[in-house]
Amino acid sequence: MPLLEVKNLSKSYGVNEKKVIAFKEISFSLEKREFLSIVGPSGCGKSTLLRVLMGLEEQTEGEIFYNGRPIREANPRFAMVFQSPSLFPWLTVEENVEIVLEPLGIPHEERIKIARKYLSVVGLDGFENAYPKELSGGMRQRVGLARALAVDPEILLMDEPFSSLDSLTAEALREEVLLLWSDPSIPPDSVILVTHNIDEAVLMSDRIIILSSRPGRIIEDHKVNLPRPRNKKDPEFYKEVDYVVSVLSK
C-alpha cells in the first residue's frame, strides 16, 4: 500500500467564465522512503498542489489517501517548508520552533527539548536565543526546516525551499536535507519537493513528476535511475537533466 495516493485531483478557482483551473486530474502515489519532485512551468499549479496535499486548500475534485485512508482535513503527519520560512520576528529561534508544538498539547519542558533537538539536527546549536533578524537567509531556512521536523512528520512537503538562497548555501542545504532523509531515525519518511530547478530535482529525487502548463496535468512520471550519492559532473547526470528538460519543452 502506498504511503500517499492521489487520485484524479483537480483544483479550480472562480465560476463560469471567470473560472481558473490550477491543475487537473492529477494522479500519483508516494512510497515509504521515497523522494519525489514535481516540476513544471510557472503557473501550472505546483505550489497549489502542495497546499491541497497539506490541507491548506481544498481540492475541487478527486481524493487523497494516506495509508489507504481518505484525507478529509489537515493531516498532522504532514509538514511543509515554504520558500520563505515566515518566522515570527518577536520570537527567538527556539520559540519559533516550539510554537508549532503547542497545539499538539505537548508540555512546555518537552517542547523545549524537541525544539533544541531539531535545531541541533539542522546545525543551529548555539542560536536558540537569537532572533530571526540576526540570522542569514540560509539560517532562517534551517529554522523553518527544524520547525517542520519538530512535529515528527511522515511526509515532508517542500515548496521551492532553496530558490531564494545563494548557490553555495542552497547546495549545502540540499545535501543536508538528503542526509536527514536518508537517516531512518529522523523524520520524514518521504519527501515531496516542488522546484523549478531541474538539476536540483535530478540530484535529490527517486522520481520526478513533470507537469504541463496550466492547467497542470502530468506529462510524465519519470524514474531517476542514478545511484546515490549523485555526482553533478557525471555525464549520466546531464543525460537525466537533458531528458527532463526535453519533456518540459514539448
C-alpha atoms as a PDB file:
ATOM      1  CA  MET A   1       0.000   0.000   0.000  1.00  0.00           C
ATOM      2  CA  PRO A   2       1.448   3.421  -0.923  1.00  0.00           C
ATOM      3  CA  LEU A   3       2.101   5.887   1.886  1.00  0.00           C
ATOM      4  CA  LEU A   4       0.235   8.534  -0.110  1.00  0.00           C
ATOM      5  CA  GLU A   5      -2.096   8.097  -3.077  1.00  0.00           C
ATOM      6  CA  VAL A   6      -3.581  10.938  -5.118  1.00  0.00           C
ATOM      7  CA  LYS A   7      -6.480  10.117  -7.438  1.00  0.00           C
ATOM      8  CA  ASN A   8      -7.855  12.424 -10.158  1.00  0.00           C
ATOM      9  CA  LEU A   9      -7.122  15.558  -8.149  1.00  0.00           C
ATOM     10  CA  SER A  10      -8.256  18.890  -9.632  1.00  0.00           C
ATOM     11  CA  LYS A  11      -8.326  22.432  -8.279  1.00  0.00           C
ATOM     12  CA  SER A  12     -10.099  25.435  -9.758  1.00  0.00           C
ATOM     13  CA  TYR A  13     -10.967  28.939  -8.614  1.00  0.00           C
ATOM     14  CA  GLY A  14     -13.944  31.130  -9.517  1.00  0.00           C
ATOM     15  CA  VAL A  15     -17.008  30.167 -11.554  1.00  0.00           C
ATOM     16  CA  ASN A  16     -18.217  30.122 -15.155  1.00  0.00           C
ATOM     17  CA  GLU A  17     -16.259  32.475 -17.465  1.00  0.00           C
ATOM     18  CA  LYS A  18     -14.053  33.586 -14.533  1.00  0.00           C
ATOM     19  CA  LYS A  19     -13.100  30.024 -13.651  1.00  0.00           C
ATOM     20  CA  VAL A  20      -9.362  29.330 -13.485  1.00  0.00           C
ATOM     21  CA  ILE A  21      -8.156  25.715 -13.349  1.00  0.00           C
ATOM     22  CA  ALA A  22      -4.864  25.420 -11.465  1.00  0.00           C
ATOM     23  CA  PHE A  23      -4.314  21.703 -12.136  1.00  0.00           C
ATOM     24  CA  LYS A  24      -6.474  18.892 -13.480  1.00  0.00           C
ATOM     25  CA  GLU A  25      -6.799  15.127 -12.979  1.00  0.00           C
ATOM     26  CA  ILE A  26      -3.534  14.622 -11.105  1.00  0.00           C
ATOM     27  CA  SER A  27      -2.898  11.021 -10.016  1.00  0.00           C
ATOM     28  CA  PHE A  28       0.258   9.595  -8.434  1.00  0.00           C
ATOM     29  CA  SER A  29       1.451   7.632  -5.426  1.00  0.00           C
ATOM     30  CA  LEU A  30       4.291   8.040  -2.939  1.00  0.00           C
ATOM     31  CA  GLU A  31       6.024   5.119  -1.259  1.00  0.00           C
ATOM     32  CA  LYS A  32       7.797   4.978   2.094  1.00  0.00           C
ATOM     33  CA  ARG A  33      11.429   6.151   1.932  1.00  0.00           C
ATOM     34  CA  GLU A  34      10.809   7.846  -1.419  1.00  0.00           C
ATOM     35  CA  PHE A  35      11.897  11.318  -2.540  1.00  0.00           C
ATOM     36  CA  LEU A  36       9.577  12.755  -5.188  1.00  0.00           C
ATOM     37  CA  SER A  37       9.975  16.057  -7.056  1.00  0.00           C
ATOM     38  CA  ILE A  38       7.348  17.970  -9.017  1.00  0.00           C
ATOM     39  CA  VAL A  39       8.499  20.246 -11.853  1.00  0.00           C
ATOM     40  CA  GLY A  40       6.665  22.271 -14.457  1.00  0.00           C
ATOM     41  CA  PRO A  41       6.265  25.751 -15.976  1.00  0.00           C
ATOM     42  CA  SER A  42       5.397  28.737 -13.801  1.00  0.00           C
ATOM     43  CA  GLY A  43       1.680  28.881 -13.060  1.00  0.00           C
ATOM     44  CA  CYS A  44       0.990  25.180 -13.630  1.00  0.00           C
ATOM     45  CA  GLY A  45      -0.288  24.660 -10.081  1.00  0.00           C
ATOM     46  CA  LYS A  46       2.736  23.043  -8.404  1.00  0.00           C
ATOM     47  CA  SER A  47       2.565  25.089  -5.202  1.00  0.00           C
ATOM     48  CA  THR A  48      -1.230  24.903  -5.127  1.00  0.00           C
ATOM     49  CA  LEU A  49      -0.980  21.112  -5.347  1.00  0.00           C
ATOM     50  CA  LEU A  50       1.281  21.056  -2.276  1.00  0.00           C
ATOM     51  CA  ARG A  51      -1.132  23.304  -0.386  1.00  0.00           C
ATOM     52  CA  VAL A  52      -4.001  20.941  -1.212  1.00  0.00           C
ATOM     53  CA  LEU A  53      -1.970  17.930  -0.067  1.00  0.00           C
ATOM     54  CA  MET A  54      -1.125  19.768   3.159  1.00  0.00           C
ATOM     55  CA  GLY A  55      -4.792  20.584   3.759  1.00  0.00           C
ATOM     56  CA  LEU A  56      -4.314  24.360   3.474  1.00  0.00           C
ATOM     57  CA  GLU A  57      -6.694  24.407   0.489  1.00  0.00           C
ATOM     58  CA  GLU A  58      -9.470  22.041  -0.539  1.00  0.00           C
ATOM     59  CA  GLN A  59      -9.468  20.220  -3.863  1.00  0.00           C
ATOM     60  CA  THR A  60     -12.304  20.777  -6.310  1.00  0.00           C
ATOM     61  CA  GLU A  61     -12.353  17.135  -7.405  1.00  0.00           C
ATOM     62  CA  GLY A  62     -10.544  13.919  -6.583  1.00  0.00           C
ATOM     63  CA  GLU A  63      -9.317  12.141  -3.468  1.00  0.00           C
ATOM     64  CA  ILE A  64      -6.162  11.919  -1.354  1.00  0.00           C
ATOM     65  CA  PHE A  65      -5.386   8.732   0.582  1.00  0.00           C
ATOM     66  CA  TYR A  66      -2.851   8.427   3.406  1.00  0.00           C
ATOM     67  CA  ASN A  67      -2.018   4.827   4.381  1.00  0.00           C
ATOM     68  CA  GLY A  68      -5.120   3.752   2.490  1.00  0.00           C
ATOM     69  CA  ARG A  69      -7.498   6.105   4.285  1.00  0.00           C
ATOM     70  CA  PRO A  70      -9.056   9.193   2.677  1.00  0.00           C
ATOM     71  CA  ILE A  71      -7.832  12.548   3.988  1.00  0.00           C
ATOM     72  CA  ARG A  72     -10.690  14.877   4.895  1.00  0.00           C
ATOM     73  CA  GLU A  73      -8.741  17.582   6.757  1.00  0.00           C
ATOM     74  CA  ALA A  74      -5.194  18.761   7.532  1.00  0.00           C
ATOM     75  CA  ASN A  75      -3.053  15.757   8.465  1.00  0.00           C
ATOM     76  CA  PRO A  76      -0.746  16.128  11.494  1.00  0.00           C
ATOM     77  CA  ARG A  77       1.712  13.627   9.957  1.00  0.00           C
ATOM     78  CA  PHE A  78       2.441  16.098   7.145  1.00  0.00           C
ATOM     79  CA  ALA A  79       4.663  19.174   7.473  1.00  0.00           C
ATOM     80  CA  MET A  80       5.585  21.869   4.981  1.00  0.00           C
ATOM     81  CA  VAL A  81       8.653  24.020   4.334  1.00  0.00           C
ATOM     82  CA  PHE A  82       7.885  27.152   2.351  1.00  0.00           C
ATOM     83  CA  GLN A  83      10.038  29.261   0.027  1.00  0.00           C
ATOM     84  CA  SER A  84      10.187  31.829   2.828  1.00  0.00           C
ATOM     85  CA  PRO A  85      10.203  30.412   6.377  1.00  0.00           C
ATOM     86  CA  SER A  86       7.896  33.212   7.677  1.00  0.00           C
ATOM     87  CA  LEU A  87       9.363  33.263  11.161  1.00  0.00           C
ATOM     88  CA  PHE A  88       7.807  35.358  13.916  1.00  0.00           C
ATOM     89  CA  PRO A  89      10.303  38.247  14.354  1.00  0.00           C
ATOM     90  CA  TRP A  90       9.398  38.795  18.026  1.00  0.00           C
ATOM     91  CA  LEU A  91      10.178  35.169  18.967  1.00  0.00           C
ATOM     92  CA  THR A  92      13.595  33.601  19.416  1.00  0.00           C
ATOM     93  CA  VAL A  93      14.756  30.775  17.165  1.00  0.00           C
ATOM     94  CA  GLU A  94      13.846  28.229  19.838  1.00  0.00           C
ATOM     95  CA  GLU A  95      10.419  29.780  20.372  1.00  0.00           C
ATOM     96  CA  ASN A  96       9.761  29.789  16.602  1.00  0.00           C
ATOM     97  CA  VAL A  97      10.205  26.003  16.597  1.00  0.00           C
ATOM     98  CA  GLU A  98       8.473  25.389  19.891  1.00  0.00           C
ATOM     99  CA  ILE A  99       5.311  27.275  18.902  1.00  0.00           C
ATOM    100  CA  VAL A 100       4.186  24.623  16.382  1.00  0.00           C
ATOM    101  CA  LEU A 101       4.128  22.052  19.197  1.00  0.00           C
ATOM    102  CA  GLU A 102       1.692  23.965  21.406  1.00  0.00           C
ATOM    103  CA  PRO A 103      -1.473  22.849  19.536  1.00  0.00           C
ATOM    104  CA  LEU A 104      -0.366  19.225  19.995  1.00  0.00           C
ATOM    105  CA  GLY A 105      -0.747  19.531  23.760  1.00  0.00           C
ATOM    106  CA  ILE A 106       2.916  18.780  24.464  1.00  0.00           C
ATOM    107  CA  PRO A 107       4.081  20.049  27.892  1.00  0.00           C
ATOM    108  CA  HIS A 108       6.352  23.104  27.890  1.00  0.00           C
ATOM    109  CA  GLU A 109       9.521  21.349  29.047  1.00  0.00           C
ATOM    110  CA  GLU A 110       9.084  18.631  26.427  1.00  0.00           C
ATOM    111  CA  ARG A 111       8.510  21.275  23.737  1.00  0.00           C
ATOM    112  CA  ILE A 112      11.825  22.885  24.639  1.00  0.00           C
ATOM    113  CA  LYS A 113      13.631  19.525  24.388  1.00  0.00           C
ATOM    114  CA  ILE A 114      12.119  18.800  20.975  1.00  0.00           C
ATOM    115  CA  ALA A 115      12.905  22.288  19.661  1.00  0.00           C
ATOM    116  CA  ARG A 116      16.527  22.064  20.798  1.00  0.00           C
ATOM    117  CA  LYS A 117      16.883  18.577  19.345  1.00  0.00           C
ATOM    118  CA  TYR A 118      15.860  19.626  15.855  1.00  0.00           C
ATOM    119  CA  LEU A 119      17.765  22.901  15.955  1.00  0.00           C
ATOM    120  CA  SER A 120      20.807  20.757  16.677  1.00  0.00           C
ATOM    121  CA  VAL A 121      19.878  18.388  13.824  1.00  0.00           C
ATOM    122  CA  VAL A 122      19.874  21.288  11.322  1.00  0.00           C
ATOM    123  CA  GLY A 123      23.139  22.725  12.651  1.00  0.00           C
ATOM    124  CA  LEU A 124      21.857  25.634  14.742  1.00  0.00           C
ATOM    125  CA  ASP A 125      23.353  24.742  18.121  1.00  0.00           C
ATOM    126  CA  GLY A 126      24.098  27.951  19.993  1.00  0.00           C
ATOM    127  CA  PHE A 127      21.497  30.036  18.127  1.00  0.00           C
ATOM    128  CA  GLU A 128      18.498  29.074  20.260  1.00  0.00           C
ATOM    129  CA  ASN A 129      18.175  32.572  21.755  1.00  0.00           C
ATOM    130  CA  ALA A 130      18.868  34.515  18.567  1.00  0.00           C
ATOM    131  CA  TYR A 131      16.109  36.414  16.749  1.00  0.00           C
ATOM    132  CA  PRO A 132      15.311  35.959  13.033  1.00  0.00           C
ATOM    133  CA  LYS A 133      16.755  39.379  12.110  1.00  0.00           C
ATOM    134  CA  GLU A 134      20.135  38.212  13.439  1.00  0.00           C
ATOM    135  CA  LEU A 135      20.266  35.210  11.075  1.00  0.00           C
ATOM    136  CA  SER A 136      21.320  34.810   7.461  1.00  0.00           C
ATOM    137  CA  GLY A 137      18.798  33.623   4.853  1.00  0.00           C
ATOM    138  CA  GLY A 138      20.183  30.096   4.994  1.00  0.00           C
ATOM    139  CA  MET A 139      19.975  30.010   8.779  1.00  0.00           C
ATOM    140  CA  ARG A 140      16.368  31.219   8.720  1.00  0.00           C
ATOM    141  CA  GLN A 141      15.519  28.441   6.287  1.00  0.00           C
ATOM    142  CA  ARG A 142      17.177  25.965   8.665  1.00  0.00           C
ATOM    143  CA  VAL A 143      14.845  27.209  11.403  1.00  0.00           C
ATOM    144  CA  GLY A 144      11.914  26.601   9.047  1.00  0.00           C
ATOM    145  CA  LEU A 145      13.195  23.075   8.434  1.00  0.00           C
ATOM    146  CA  ALA A 146      13.645  22.418  12.169  1.00  0.00           C
ATOM    147  CA  ARG A 147      10.094  23.666  12.780  1.00  0.00           C
ATOM    148  CA  ALA A 148       8.750  21.243  10.171  1.00  0.00           C
ATOM    149  CA  LEU A 149      10.724  18.289  11.547  1.00  0.00           C
ATOM    150  CA  ALA A 150       9.693  19.029  15.136  1.00  0.00           C
ATOM    151  CA  VAL A 151       6.148  17.747  14.554  1.00  0.00           C
ATOM    152  CA  ASP A 152       7.622  14.347  13.551  1.00  0.00           C
ATOM    153  CA  PRO A 153       6.123  14.284  10.031  1.00  0.00           C
ATOM    154  CA  GLU A 154       5.925  11.127   7.981  1.00  0.00           C
ATOM    155  CA  ILE A 155       5.728  13.202   4.787  1.00  0.00           C
ATOM    156  CA  LEU A 156       7.613  16.475   4.313  1.00  0.00           C
ATOM    157  CA  LEU A 157       6.329  18.860   1.633  1.00  0.00           C
ATOM    158  CA  MET A 158       8.846  21.426   0.363  1.00  0.00           C
ATOM    159  CA  ASP A 159       7.830  24.373  -1.816  1.00  0.00           C
ATOM    160  CA  GLU A 160      10.964  25.701  -3.567  1.00  0.00           C
ATOM    161  CA  PRO A 161      12.814  25.931  -0.234  1.00  0.00           C
ATOM    162  CA  PHE A 162      16.212  26.741  -1.776  1.00  0.00           C
ATOM    163  CA  SER A 163      15.195  29.184  -4.510  1.00  0.00           C
ATOM    164  CA  SER A 164      15.782  32.381  -2.515  1.00  0.00           C
ATOM    165  CA  LEU A 165      19.236  31.328  -1.277  1.00  0.00           C
ATOM    166  CA  ASP A 166      22.643  31.927  -2.818  1.00  0.00           C
ATOM    167  CA  SER A 167      24.050  28.960  -4.729  1.00  0.00           C
ATOM    168  CA  LEU A 168      26.558  27.816  -2.079  1.00  0.00           C
ATOM    169  CA  THR A 169      24.014  27.977   0.753  1.00  0.00           C
ATOM    170  CA  ALA A 170      21.398  26.215  -1.368  1.00  0.00           C
ATOM    171  CA  GLU A 171      23.849  23.441  -2.249  1.00  0.00           C
ATOM    172  CA  ALA A 172      24.739  22.905   1.410  1.00  0.00           C
ATOM    173  CA  LEU A 173      21.076  22.753   2.441  1.00  0.00           C
ATOM    174  CA  ARG A 174      20.211  20.282  -0.332  1.00  0.00           C
ATOM    175  CA  GLU A 175      22.924  17.943   0.912  1.00  0.00           C
ATOM    176  CA  GLU A 176      21.707  18.388   4.479  1.00  0.00           C
ATOM    177  CA  VAL A 177      18.107  17.556   3.580  1.00  0.00           C
ATOM    178  CA  LEU A 178      19.254  14.423   1.738  1.00  0.00           C
ATOM    179  CA  LEU A 179      21.358  13.412   4.737  1.00  0.00           C
ATOM    180  CA  LEU A 180      18.407  13.845   7.117  1.00  0.00           C
ATOM    181  CA  TRP A 181      16.044  11.972   4.813  1.00  0.00           C
ATOM    182  CA  SER A 182      18.493   9.065   4.484  1.00  0.00           C
ATOM    183  CA  ASP A 183      18.551   8.585   8.287  1.00  0.00           C
ATOM    184  CA  PRO A 184      15.567   6.386   9.311  1.00  0.00           C
ATOM    185  CA  SER A 185      15.797   7.652  12.903  1.00  0.00           C
ATOM    186  CA  ILE A 186      14.982  11.233  11.841  1.00  0.00           C
ATOM    187  CA  PRO A 187      11.716  12.321  10.182  1.00  0.00           C
ATOM    188  CA  PRO A 188      10.470  12.396   7.496  1.00  0.00           C
ATOM    189  CA  ASP A 189       9.977   9.012   5.841  1.00  0.00           C
ATOM    190  CA  SER A 190       9.199  10.561   2.439  1.00  0.00           C
ATOM    191  CA  VAL A 191       9.566  13.949   0.761  1.00  0.00           C
ATOM    192  CA  ILE A 192       7.698  15.805  -1.987  1.00  0.00           C
ATOM    193  CA  LEU A 193       9.684  18.740  -3.389  1.00  0.00           C
ATOM    194  CA  VAL A 194       8.335  21.399  -5.752  1.00  0.00           C
ATOM    195  CA  THR A 195      11.112  23.061  -7.734  1.00  0.00           C
ATOM    196  CA  HIS A 196      11.895  24.992 -10.927  1.00  0.00           C
ATOM    197  CA  ASN A 197      15.478  23.751 -10.767  1.00  0.00           C
ATOM    198  CA  ILE A 198      15.829  20.605 -12.910  1.00  0.00           C
ATOM    199  CA  ASP A 199      19.382  19.918 -11.673  1.00  0.00           C
ATOM    200  CA  GLU A 200      18.025  20.028  -8.128  1.00  0.00           C
ATOM    201  CA  ALA A 201      15.213  17.612  -8.967  1.00  0.00           C
ATOM    202  CA  VAL A 202      17.606  15.110 -10.580  1.00  0.00           C
ATOM    203  CA  LEU A 203      20.118  15.451  -7.734  1.00  0.00           C
ATOM    204  CA  MET A 204      17.593  14.752  -4.980  1.00  0.00           C
ATOM    205  CA  SER A 205      14.783  12.625  -6.375  1.00  0.00           C
ATOM    206  CA  ASP A 206      13.882   8.998  -6.917  1.00  0.00           C
ATOM    207  CA  ARG A 207      11.086  10.146  -9.248  1.00  0.00           C
ATOM    208  CA  ILE A 208      10.178  13.382 -10.988  1.00  0.00           C
ATOM    209  CA  ILE A 209       6.590  14.240 -11.882  1.00  0.00           C
ATOM    210  CA  ILE A 210       6.584  16.565 -14.890  1.00  0.00           C
ATOM    211  CA  LEU A 211       3.568  18.849 -15.266  1.00  0.00           C
ATOM    212  CA  SER A 212       2.268  20.663 -18.334  1.00  0.00           C
ATOM    213  CA  SER A 213       1.482  24.366 -18.458  1.00  0.00           C
ATOM    214  CA  ARG A 214      -1.769  25.454 -16.775  1.00  0.00           C
ATOM    215  CA  PRO A 215      -3.970  23.683 -16.126  1.00  0.00           C
ATOM    216  CA  GLY A 216      -1.231  21.393 -14.852  1.00  0.00           C
ATOM    217  CA  ARG A 217      -1.537  17.785 -15.946  1.00  0.00           C
ATOM    218  CA  ILE A 218       1.015  15.027 -15.542  1.00  0.00           C
ATOM    219  CA  ILE A 219       3.032  14.683 -18.757  1.00  0.00           C
ATOM    220  CA  GLU A 220       5.326  12.021 -17.330  1.00  0.00           C
ATOM    221  CA  ASP A 221       6.195  10.290 -14.065  1.00  0.00           C
ATOM    222  CA  HIS A 222       9.939   9.816 -14.588  1.00  0.00           C
ATOM    223  CA  LYS A 223      12.140   7.482 -12.532  1.00  0.00           C
ATOM    224  CA  VAL A 224      15.681   8.755 -11.929  1.00  0.00           C
ATOM    225  CA  ASN A 225      17.967   5.767 -12.452  1.00  0.00           C
ATOM    226  CA  LEU A 226      21.131   7.120 -10.857  1.00  0.00           C
ATOM    227  CA  PRO A 227      22.951   5.688  -7.834  1.00  0.00           C
ATOM    228  CA  ARG A 228      23.338   7.776  -4.686  1.00  0.00           C
ATOM    229  CA  PRO A 229      25.250   9.896  -3.814  1.00  0.00           C
ATOM    230  CA  ARG A 230      24.964  11.627  -7.191  1.00  0.00           C
ATOM    231  CA  ASN A 231      27.710  13.471  -9.000  1.00  0.00           C
ATOM    232  CA  LYS A 232      26.570  16.536 -10.928  1.00  0.00           C
ATOM    233  CA  LYS A 233      29.653  16.228 -13.161  1.00  0.00           C
ATOM    234  CA  ASP A 234      28.743  12.702 -14.239  1.00  0.00           C
ATOM    235  CA  PRO A 235      27.664  12.520 -17.933  1.00  0.00           C
ATOM    236  CA  GLU A 236      24.732  10.316 -16.863  1.00  0.00           C
ATOM    237  CA  PHE A 237      23.543  13.114 -14.577  1.00  0.00           C
ATOM    238  CA  TYR A 238      23.476  15.530 -17.520  1.00  0.00           C
ATOM    239  CA  LYS A 239      21.571  12.979 -19.596  1.00  0.00           C
ATOM    240  CA  GLU A 240      18.845  12.844 -16.944  1.00  0.00           C
ATOM    241  CA  VAL A 241      18.671  16.649 -16.770  1.00  0.00           C
ATOM    242  CA  ASP A 242      18.515  16.940 -20.564  1.00  0.00           C
ATOM    243  CA  TYR A 243      15.761  14.355 -20.733  1.00  0.00           C
ATOM    244  CA  VAL A 244      13.542  16.169 -18.207  1.00  0.00           C
ATOM    245  CA  VAL A 245      14.162  19.486 -19.976  1.00  0.00           C
ATOM    246  CA  SER A 246      13.231  17.891 -23.325  1.00  0.00           C
ATOM    247  CA  VAL A 247       9.929  16.587 -21.903  1.00  0.00           C
ATOM    248  CA  LEU A 248       9.138  20.022 -20.443  1.00  0.00           C
ATOM    249  CA  SER A 249       9.915  21.662 -23.794  1.00  0.00           C
ATOM    250  CA  LYS A 250       7.462  19.545 -25.820  1.00  0.00           C
END
